[in-house]
Amino acid sequence: MNRPDEDEAWRAIVENFGERAALDDGSPPPEPAPPPPPPPDVEELVAPGYAEAPPEPDEPDEPLLADRFVPPDPGPLVMPPPVRLTAWIGLLGMPALLLLLGVLRFSLPQPLALVVLAWFAWGFGYLVWRMPRRPDDWDNGAQV
């Protein structure tokens, strides 16, 4: 329930809030401003004596920064240990193999299908088991 002093306070706020809007008094609207002049013709902007802009030189005096930058040698590709590589092949390669065989409508014998599924499960389990237990707090995941 509103108290009478609150109602008065709101009424005072509304009455003193900014300027009142001017209502239309029936006078015609002002005429619009004339349009700006058109831009000068392109031929007027070209320097005298040239049919078009001056030609650019074929060779710049100073080579670009991209021409000077030579990235460092990345070094040899680092291969993971054989057990980890086998786990990644099981995790990524076995579902891809099963998908390819399914598209080609080729069925594996049941013992071989069980080996493929076991390789996938072992690869997933091994990679999860070898994950670091806690992240390094000092670098926030950034590596250089």
Protein backbone atom coordinates (compact mmCIF):
# COMPACT_ATOMS: atom_id res chain seq x y z
CA MET A 1 0.00 0.00 0.00
CA ASN A 2 1.26 3.47 -0.89
CA ARG A 3 1.32 6.08 1.77
CA PRO A 4 0.15 9.63 0.92
CA ASP A 5 3.66 11.13 1.26
CA GLU A 6 5.03 8.57 -1.24
CA ASP A 7 2.31 9.51 -3.72
CA GLU A 8 3.18 13.17 -3.32
CA ALA A 9 6.88 12.42 -3.77
CA TRP A 10 6.21 10.56 -7.03
CA ARG A 11 3.92 13.31 -8.27
CA ALA A 12 6.66 15.89 -7.58
CA ILE A 13 9.23 13.79 -9.42
CA VAL A 14 6.99 13.45 -12.46
CA GLU A 15 6.10 17.14 -12.53
CA ASN A 16 9.73 18.28 -12.29
CA PHE A 17 11.20 15.74 -14.70
CA GLY A 18 12.83 17.60 -17.61
CA GLU A 19 11.13 19.85 -20.11
CA ARG A 20 7.68 19.21 -21.39
CA ALA A 21 7.32 18.05 -24.97
CA ALA A 22 6.16 20.75 -27.39
CA LEU A 23 2.98 19.71 -29.11
CA ASP A 24 2.25 20.52 -32.75
CA ASP A 25 0.61 23.94 -32.98
CA GLY A 26 -0.53 23.51 -36.60
CA SER A 27 2.26 25.53 -38.25
CA PRO A 28 3.84 24.08 -41.42
CA PRO A 29 7.12 22.20 -40.98
CA PRO A 30 10.32 24.02 -41.95
CA GLU A 31 11.61 23.50 -45.49
CA PRO A 32 14.35 20.90 -45.87
CA ALA A 33 17.94 22.05 -46.36
CA PRO A 34 19.17 22.15 -49.96
CA PRO A 35 21.13 19.08 -51.09
CA PRO A 36 24.93 19.31 -50.87
CA PRO A 37 26.80 20.12 -54.07
CA PRO A 38 27.96 17.12 -56.13
CA PRO A 39 31.56 15.99 -55.66
CA PRO A 40 34.12 17.31 -58.13
CA ASP A 41 34.73 15.30 -61.27
CA VAL A 42 37.55 12.75 -61.16
CA GLU A 43 39.35 14.44 -64.03
CA GLU A 44 39.64 17.62 -61.95
CA LEU A 45 41.44 15.69 -59.21
CA VAL A 46 44.19 14.30 -61.50
CA ALA A 47 47.36 16.39 -61.57
CA PRO A 48 47.83 18.41 -64.77
CA GLY A 49 49.95 16.67 -67.39
CA TYR A 50 48.79 13.16 -66.39
CA ALA A 51 46.01 11.25 -68.06
CA GLU A 52 45.66 9.24 -64.87
CA ALA A 53 47.40 8.89 -61.53
CA PRO A 54 51.20 8.65 -61.71
CA PRO A 55 52.46 5.07 -62.15
CA GLU A 56 53.82 3.18 -59.18
CA PRO A 57 57.48 2.11 -59.31
CA ASP A 58 58.11 -1.53 -60.17
CA GLU A 59 60.55 -2.11 -57.32
CA PRO A 60 60.06 -0.43 -53.96
CA ASP A 61 63.16 1.29 -52.58
CA GLU A 62 62.98 -0.63 -49.28
CA PRO A 63 61.80 -4.25 -49.10
CA LEU A 64 58.63 -4.90 -47.16
CA LEU A 65 58.79 -6.22 -43.63
CA ALA A 66 57.37 -9.55 -44.81
CA ASP A 67 60.31 -9.90 -47.21
CA ARG A 68 62.82 -9.38 -44.42
CA PHE A 69 61.31 -11.73 -41.82
CA VAL A 70 62.74 -15.23 -41.81
CA PRO A 71 61.03 -17.57 -39.34
CA PRO A 72 63.25 -19.83 -37.25
CA ASP A 73 63.64 -23.47 -38.21
CA PRO A 74 60.86 -25.43 -36.46
CA GLY A 75 63.11 -28.42 -35.92
CA PRO A 76 62.27 -32.07 -36.41
CA LEU A 77 58.78 -33.42 -35.80
CA VAL A 78 58.60 -34.95 -32.35
CA MET A 79 57.02 -38.37 -32.33
CA PRO A 80 55.17 -39.55 -29.23
CA PRO A 81 56.38 -42.66 -27.42
CA PRO A 82 55.26 -45.88 -29.14
CA VAL A 83 52.71 -46.78 -26.46
CA ARG A 84 51.06 -43.36 -26.65
CA LEU A 85 51.05 -43.46 -30.46
CA THR A 86 49.37 -46.87 -30.33
CA ALA A 87 46.75 -45.46 -27.95
CA TRP A 88 46.04 -42.51 -30.28
CA ILE A 89 45.71 -44.88 -33.24
CA GLY A 90 43.24 -46.93 -31.21
CA LEU A 91 41.26 -43.89 -30.11
CA LEU A 92 41.05 -42.15 -33.49
CA GLY A 93 41.84 -44.85 -36.04
CA MET A 94 39.57 -47.65 -34.92
CA PRO A 95 36.29 -45.67 -35.12
CA ALA A 96 37.42 -44.34 -38.51
CA LEU A 97 38.15 -47.91 -39.64
CA LEU A 98 34.74 -49.13 -38.46
CA LEU A 99 33.03 -46.20 -40.17
CA LEU A 100 34.87 -46.89 -43.44
CA LEU A 101 34.02 -50.58 -43.28
CA GLY A 102 30.38 -49.70 -42.58
CA VAL A 103 30.23 -47.38 -45.59
CA LEU A 104 31.78 -50.08 -47.78
CA ARG A 105 29.29 -52.62 -46.33
CA PHE A 106 32.09 -54.93 -45.25
CA SER A 107 31.68 -56.82 -41.99
CA LEU A 108 34.56 -57.93 -39.83
CA PRO A 109 34.64 -61.38 -38.27
CA GLN A 110 33.49 -61.18 -34.68
CA PRO A 111 36.89 -61.88 -33.04
CA LEU A 112 38.52 -59.15 -35.15
CA ALA A 113 35.68 -56.72 -34.35
CA LEU A 114 36.22 -57.40 -30.64
CA VAL A 115 39.94 -56.67 -31.04
CA VAL A 116 39.14 -53.36 -32.75
CA LEU A 117 36.69 -52.38 -29.99
CA ALA A 118 39.14 -53.45 -27.27
CA TRP A 119 41.93 -51.41 -28.92
CA PHE A 120 39.64 -48.35 -28.92
CA ALA A 121 38.68 -48.84 -25.26
CA TRP A 122 42.32 -49.45 -24.24
CA GLY A 123 43.50 -46.33 -26.11
CA PHE A 124 40.86 -44.18 -24.44
CA GLY A 125 41.61 -45.60 -21.00
CA TYR A 126 45.38 -45.28 -21.40
CA LEU A 127 45.22 -41.65 -22.55
CA VAL A 128 42.88 -40.73 -19.68
CA TRP A 129 45.11 -42.55 -17.20
CA ARG A 130 48.23 -40.71 -18.45
CA MET A 131 46.61 -37.24 -18.31
CA PRO A 132 48.16 -34.85 -15.79
CA ARG A 133 46.34 -34.94 -12.47
CA ARG A 134 46.39 -31.19 -11.85
CA PRO A 135 47.02 -28.29 -14.22
CA ASP A 136 49.97 -25.97 -13.78
CA ASP A 137 48.60 -22.89 -12.07
CA TRP A 138 51.38 -20.51 -13.01
CA ASP A 139 50.96 -20.47 -16.81
CA ASN A 140 47.16 -20.59 -17.23
CA GLY A 141 47.59 -22.99 -20.13
CA ALA A 142 49.72 -20.67 -22.26
CA GLN A 143 52.76 -22.14 -23.97
CA VAL A 144 55.42 -20.47 -26.09
